[in-house]
Protein backbone atom coordinates (compact mmCIF):
# COMPACT_ATOMS: atom_id res chain seq x y z
CA MET A 1 198.24 94.46 -38.76
CA THR A 2 201.48 96.14 -37.73
CA LEU A 3 203.61 98.95 -39.16
CA GLU A 4 206.25 96.37 -39.98
CA ASP A 5 203.66 94.38 -41.97
CA LEU A 6 202.84 97.48 -44.02
CA ARG A 7 206.48 98.43 -44.53
CA ILE A 8 207.38 94.93 -45.71
CA PHE A 9 204.35 94.78 -48.01
CA VAL A 10 205.19 98.15 -49.62
CA ALA A 11 208.84 97.20 -49.98
CA ALA A 12 207.92 93.84 -51.58
CA ALA A 13 205.57 95.55 -54.04
CA GLU A 14 208.27 98.03 -55.05
CA ALA A 15 211.03 95.40 -55.26
CA GLY A 16 208.80 93.11 -57.35
CA SER A 17 210.37 90.09 -55.66
CA MET A 18 210.12 88.71 -52.14
CA GLY A 19 213.44 86.92 -52.58
CA GLU A 20 215.24 90.11 -53.63
CA LEU A 21 213.69 92.01 -50.72
CA ALA A 22 214.69 89.28 -48.27
CA ARG A 23 218.30 89.46 -49.48
CA SER A 24 218.38 93.23 -49.11
CA LEU A 25 216.94 92.98 -45.57
CA GLY A 26 219.23 90.12 -44.59
CA CYS A 27 216.35 87.79 -43.71
CA THR A 28 214.64 84.77 -45.25
CA GLN A 29 211.98 84.79 -47.95
CA PRO A 30 209.47 82.96 -45.68
CA ALA A 31 209.91 85.76 -43.12
CA VAL A 32 208.95 88.34 -45.74
CA ALA A 33 206.04 86.22 -46.96
CA HIS A 34 204.79 85.88 -43.36
CA HIS A 35 204.16 89.63 -43.11
CA VAL A 36 202.28 89.70 -46.41
CA ARG A 37 200.18 86.63 -45.52
CA ARG A 38 199.24 88.19 -42.19
CA LEU A 39 197.95 91.27 -43.98
CA GLU A 40 196.05 89.16 -46.51
CA LYS A 41 194.44 87.12 -43.73
CA GLU A 42 193.36 90.23 -41.82
CA LEU A 43 192.02 92.01 -44.92
CA GLY A 44 190.51 88.88 -46.46
CA ALA A 45 191.94 89.50 -49.92
CA PRO A 46 195.06 88.53 -51.91
CA LEU A 47 197.51 91.45 -52.15
CA LEU A 48 200.38 90.05 -54.22
CA GLU A 49 200.34 87.44 -56.96
CA ARG A 50 203.33 85.49 -58.22
CA THR A 51 204.34 85.82 -61.86
CA ARG A 52 207.31 84.67 -63.88
CA ARG A 53 208.94 88.03 -63.18
CA GLY A 54 208.36 87.95 -59.42
CA VAL A 55 205.32 89.38 -57.65
CA GLU A 56 202.76 91.95 -58.79
CA LEU A 57 200.01 93.82 -56.97
CA THR A 58 196.45 92.54 -57.22
CA GLU A 59 193.61 95.06 -57.44
CA PRO A 60 193.10 95.02 -53.64
CA GLY A 61 196.89 95.16 -53.30
CA ARG A 62 197.09 98.32 -55.41
CA ALA A 63 194.42 99.97 -53.25
CA LEU A 64 196.32 99.11 -50.06
CA TYR A 65 199.67 100.12 -51.59
CA GLU A 66 198.46 103.63 -52.47
CA ARG A 67 197.05 104.22 -48.99
CA ALA A 68 199.94 102.54 -47.18
CA THR A 69 202.64 104.53 -48.97
CA ALA A 70 200.86 107.78 -48.13
CA ALA A 71 200.40 106.72 -44.51
CA LEU A 72 204.03 105.64 -44.10
CA ALA A 73 205.27 108.88 -45.68
CA SER A 74 203.05 110.87 -43.30
CA LEU A 75 204.35 108.88 -40.36
CA GLY A 76 207.94 109.49 -41.43
CA THR A 77 207.27 113.23 -41.60
CA ALA A 78 205.67 113.14 -38.15
CA GLU A 79 208.68 111.30 -36.69
CA ALA A 80 211.01 113.92 -38.19
CA GLU A 81 208.87 116.75 -36.77
CA VAL A 82 208.94 115.19 -33.29
CA ALA A 83 212.73 114.83 -33.52
CA LEU A 84 212.98 118.52 -34.41
CA LEU A 85 210.78 119.50 -31.45
CA ARG A 86 212.91 117.35 -29.13
CA GLY A 87 215.99 119.11 -30.44
CA ASP A 88 217.51 115.78 -31.48
CA SER A 89 217.85 116.76 -35.12
CA GLU A 90 217.83 119.73 -37.46
CA GLY A 91 216.34 117.53 -40.16
CA VAL A 92 217.54 115.70 -43.23
CA LEU A 93 216.76 116.94 -46.73
CA THR A 94 217.64 115.07 -49.93
CA ILE A 95 217.17 116.66 -53.36
CA ALA A 96 217.36 114.73 -56.64
CA ALA A 97 218.58 116.76 -59.62
CA SER A 98 221.22 116.90 -62.31
CA THR A 99 224.62 118.29 -61.33
CA GLY A 100 224.14 121.18 -63.75
CA MET A 101 220.78 122.16 -62.24
CA VAL A 102 222.22 122.01 -58.71
CA ARG A 103 225.06 124.31 -59.74
CA HIS A 104 223.09 126.78 -61.84
CA ALA A 105 219.53 126.77 -60.46
CA LEU A 106 219.53 125.40 -56.91
CA LYS A 107 222.80 126.66 -55.44
CA PRO A 108 221.34 130.00 -54.15
CA ALA A 109 218.49 128.20 -52.34
CA ILE A 110 220.83 125.58 -50.88
CA SER A 111 223.24 128.26 -49.67
CA GLY A 112 220.37 130.31 -48.23
CA LEU A 113 218.94 127.39 -46.26
CA ARG A 114 222.37 126.38 -44.96
CA ARG A 115 222.98 129.92 -43.66
CA LYS A 116 219.67 129.84 -41.76
CA ARG A 117 219.80 126.19 -40.69
CA PRO A 118 223.49 125.17 -40.69
CA ALA A 119 222.80 121.93 -38.83
CA VAL A 120 220.44 120.55 -41.51
CA ASP A 121 221.83 117.36 -43.02
CA PHE A 122 221.58 118.35 -46.70
CA ARG A 123 222.12 115.60 -49.28
CA LEU A 124 222.13 115.51 -53.08
CA ALA A 125 221.11 112.60 -55.30
CA CYS A 126 222.58 113.65 -58.64
CA SER A 127 221.55 111.95 -61.89
CA ASN A 128 221.12 113.04 -65.50
CA THR A 129 217.80 111.45 -66.45
CA LEU A 130 214.22 112.25 -65.48
CA GLU A 131 213.52 108.57 -64.78
CA GLN A 132 216.40 108.28 -62.32
CA GLN A 133 215.41 111.48 -60.53
CA LEU A 134 211.77 110.41 -60.15
CA ASP A 135 212.77 106.89 -59.09
CA THR A 136 214.79 108.41 -56.26
CA VAL A 137 211.66 110.18 -54.97
CA ARG A 138 209.39 107.20 -55.68
CA GLU A 139 211.66 104.96 -53.60
CA ARG A 140 211.77 107.58 -50.83
CA ARG A 141 215.51 108.11 -51.19
CA ALA A 142 214.85 111.82 -51.83
CA ASP A 143 212.22 114.27 -50.63
CA LEU A 144 212.03 116.28 -53.84
CA ALA A 145 213.28 116.18 -57.41
CA PHE A 146 214.06 119.21 -59.56
CA VAL A 147 213.00 118.08 -63.00
CA ALA A 148 211.90 119.10 -66.47
CA LEU A 149 208.13 119.62 -66.58
CA TRP A 150 207.56 119.26 -70.31
CA LYS A 151 206.22 115.77 -69.67
CA GLU A 152 204.65 114.53 -66.44
CA THR A 153 204.66 111.06 -64.90
CA PRO A 154 201.57 109.75 -63.05
CA GLY A 155 201.96 109.30 -59.31
CA PHE A 156 203.71 112.62 -58.66
CA GLU A 157 202.64 116.13 -57.81
CA TYR A 158 204.39 119.00 -59.62
CA ARG A 159 205.13 122.67 -58.98
CA HIS A 160 206.53 125.05 -61.57
CA GLY A 161 209.87 126.62 -60.72
CA ILE A 162 211.54 128.48 -63.59
CA ASP A 163 211.62 128.55 -67.39
CA MET A 164 215.14 127.81 -68.61
CA PRO A 165 216.31 128.92 -72.09
CA TYR A 166 218.76 126.59 -73.82
CA CYS A 167 221.79 127.30 -76.02
CA LEU A 168 223.96 125.30 -78.39
CA LEU A 169 227.58 125.07 -77.20
CA VAL A 170 230.13 124.94 -80.03
CA HIS A 171 233.91 125.21 -80.43
CA ARG A 172 235.23 128.59 -81.60
CA ASP A 173 236.70 126.99 -84.77
CA ASP A 174 233.43 125.26 -85.65
CA PRO A 175 231.66 126.50 -88.82
CA LEU A 176 228.67 127.44 -86.62
CA ALA A 177 230.75 129.64 -84.31
CA GLY A 178 230.45 132.67 -86.58
CA ARG A 179 226.69 132.85 -86.09
CA THR A 180 224.97 134.91 -83.42
CA ARG A 181 222.21 132.28 -83.04
CA ILE A 182 220.93 129.10 -84.66
CA ALA A 183 217.41 128.17 -85.74
CA LEU A 184 215.70 125.23 -84.07
CA THR A 185 215.49 123.40 -87.39
CA GLY A 186 219.23 123.98 -87.85
CA LEU A 187 219.86 121.57 -84.97
CA ALA A 188 218.77 118.72 -87.25
CA LYS A 189 222.08 119.20 -89.09
CA ALA A 190 224.26 119.80 -86.02
CA ARG A 191 226.55 117.10 -84.61
CA LEU A 192 224.62 116.83 -81.37
CA ILE A 193 225.99 114.93 -78.40
CA SER A 194 223.43 113.26 -76.13
CA ILE A 195 224.17 112.94 -72.42
CA GLY A 196 222.93 109.40 -71.86
CA PRO A 197 220.22 107.64 -73.88
CA ASP A 198 217.46 109.49 -71.95
CA SER A 199 218.96 113.00 -71.99
CA LEU A 200 216.35 115.60 -70.98
CA SER A 201 217.70 118.29 -73.29
CA THR A 202 217.95 115.89 -76.26
CA GLY A 203 214.42 114.62 -75.63
CA PHE A 204 213.07 118.18 -75.36
CA VAL A 205 214.81 119.31 -78.55
CA GLY A 206 213.71 116.14 -80.37
CA ALA A 207 210.08 116.69 -79.41
CA ARG A 208 210.15 120.33 -80.56
CA LEU A 209 211.85 119.37 -83.85
CA ALA A 210 209.21 116.69 -84.45
CA GLU A 211 206.55 119.39 -84.16
CA CYS A 212 208.36 121.14 -87.05
CA GLY A 213 208.46 117.96 -89.12
CA ALA A 214 212.21 117.46 -88.61
CA GLU A 215 214.10 114.61 -86.98
CA LEU A 216 216.87 114.89 -84.41
CA VAL A 217 219.95 112.77 -85.03
CA THR A 218 222.76 112.58 -82.47
CA SER A 219 226.36 111.89 -83.43
CA HIS A 220 227.51 110.61 -80.02
CA THR A 221 226.01 109.46 -76.73
CA VAL A 222 228.16 109.93 -73.63
CA ASP A 223 227.64 109.10 -69.97
CA THR A 224 228.24 112.46 -68.31
CA GLU A 225 227.81 116.15 -68.96
CA GLY A 226 231.53 116.68 -68.41
CA THR A 227 232.36 114.24 -71.21
CA ALA A 228 229.93 116.01 -73.56
CA ILE A 229 231.59 119.36 -72.85
CA LEU A 230 235.02 117.78 -73.42
CA TYR A 231 233.85 116.60 -76.86
CA VAL A 232 232.88 120.20 -77.69
CA GLU A 233 236.22 121.50 -76.44
CA LEU A 234 237.93 119.05 -78.77
CA GLY A 235 235.78 120.14 -81.71
CA LEU A 236 234.06 116.76 -81.95
CA GLY A 237 230.46 117.92 -81.75
CA HIS A 238 227.88 120.24 -80.20
CA VAL A 239 225.77 120.01 -77.05
CA VAL A 240 222.53 121.69 -75.98
CA LEU A 241 222.82 123.08 -72.43
CA PRO A 242 220.88 125.45 -70.17
CA ALA A 243 221.69 129.00 -71.24
CA VAL A 244 223.14 130.00 -67.86
CA GLN A 245 225.52 127.06 -68.00
CA ALA A 246 226.41 127.50 -71.68
CA HIS A 247 227.22 131.20 -71.24
CA ALA A 248 229.39 130.44 -68.21
CA LEU A 249 231.34 127.86 -70.25
CA ALA A 250 231.57 130.27 -73.20
CA LYS A 251 233.71 132.56 -71.07
CA ARG A 252 236.45 130.10 -71.97
CA SER A 253 237.99 131.40 -75.17
CA GLU A 254 237.56 128.15 -77.14
CA LEU A 255 233.76 127.90 -76.70
CA ARG A 256 230.73 129.79 -78.04
CA ALA A 257 227.10 129.73 -76.82
CA LEU A 258 224.46 130.17 -79.54
CA PRO A 259 220.85 130.99 -78.56
CA ILE A 260 218.40 128.67 -80.33
CA ARG A 261 215.71 130.61 -82.20
CA GLY A 262 212.35 128.85 -82.08
CA LEU A 263 213.16 126.64 -79.08
CA PRO A 264 210.94 127.67 -76.15
CA PRO A 265 212.42 127.71 -72.66
CA MET A 266 212.17 124.37 -70.86
CA PRO A 267 209.83 124.51 -67.83
CA LEU A 268 211.61 123.23 -64.74
CA GLY A 269 210.24 122.62 -61.28
CA TRP A 270 209.60 120.30 -58.39
CA ALA A 271 208.23 116.78 -58.22
CA ALA A 272 207.12 115.12 -54.98
CA ARG A 273 204.95 112.20 -54.02
CA ASP A 274 202.76 114.54 -51.94
CA PHE A 275 203.68 118.17 -51.20
CA GLY A 276 201.32 118.11 -48.21
CA LEU A 277 203.46 115.43 -46.52
CA LEU A 278 206.81 117.19 -46.86
CA SER A 279 208.81 117.94 -43.74
CA THR A 280 209.19 121.43 -42.31
CA THR A 281 212.76 121.44 -43.58
CA ALA A 282 211.62 120.67 -47.14
CA ASP A 283 208.94 123.39 -46.95
CA GLU A 284 211.58 125.88 -45.78
CA PHE A 285 213.81 124.92 -48.69
CA LEU A 286 211.00 125.44 -51.21
CA ALA A 287 210.34 128.86 -49.69
CA GLU A 288 214.05 129.67 -49.99
CA PHE A 289 213.95 128.60 -53.64
CA GLU A 290 211.00 130.94 -54.26
CA ARG A 291 213.01 133.82 -52.79
CA SER A 292 216.00 133.01 -55.02
CA ARG A 293 213.96 132.28 -58.18
CA ALA A 294 214.11 135.82 -59.59
CA ARG A 295 217.89 135.83 -59.26
CA VAL A 296 218.19 132.45 -61.03
CA SER A 297 215.79 133.51 -63.81
CA SER A 298 217.73 136.72 -64.45
CA ARG A 299 220.96 134.74 -64.81
CA ALA A 300 219.25 132.35 -67.25
């Protein structure tokens, strides 16, 4: 059994297809299968089974996959720590989050870490949906994801960060603009714009409305947050946004931010495969976020 055997096995399990993995690695399918067969021979058990959709983990395969992913993640952290001690690197840190959360919740922590460790290679994996953010961590393309915590996905560890109030953003000429706030149930009659089919804010509002016996109906679905805000600026609908972001936008004369009475703040925080296996750089960033959390919460 070699590290390459384990890496290929894990990659094949996550790709769901040996052929697809082979193409991405620039090798042949038999070469990929060779690594998996060698593991199966050594362990004396089938690890992957072929299906119409590709390959799936067997029960022994699932057991090996869980241990192997943890071991490979730990090894990757150890390699990064050794590089830091050698002075070869200041570390790489990738955070998955929405653009809005980076701007309004994470910016102080990012700026603080960059002042202390300017040589850190800091990267952002921005996406609007919870599934995309978690997939980035699951596939080890990001160390951490800053996500909504109102529903949890198995296979991740979570840490609470902040509670974010939400507001309804409307145009100043909209009939709702004369109000000082809007009731949660009033959103059922608003012309809500959803940012993507799996919008976190739309899902959160929909779940809270369902608890009140009401149904959320959206008038438009757009691809990006910027497009949703443009719709509001044109008077074509309303969008639910984090309060800190909505109030910042409302400084523009044509927009108004209405607090939503009865909508609890959305819990936001961190998701990781294993917090105990994070690099020193990631731990330092989380500590920096803790120091900046009070400032972010007061702005929210």
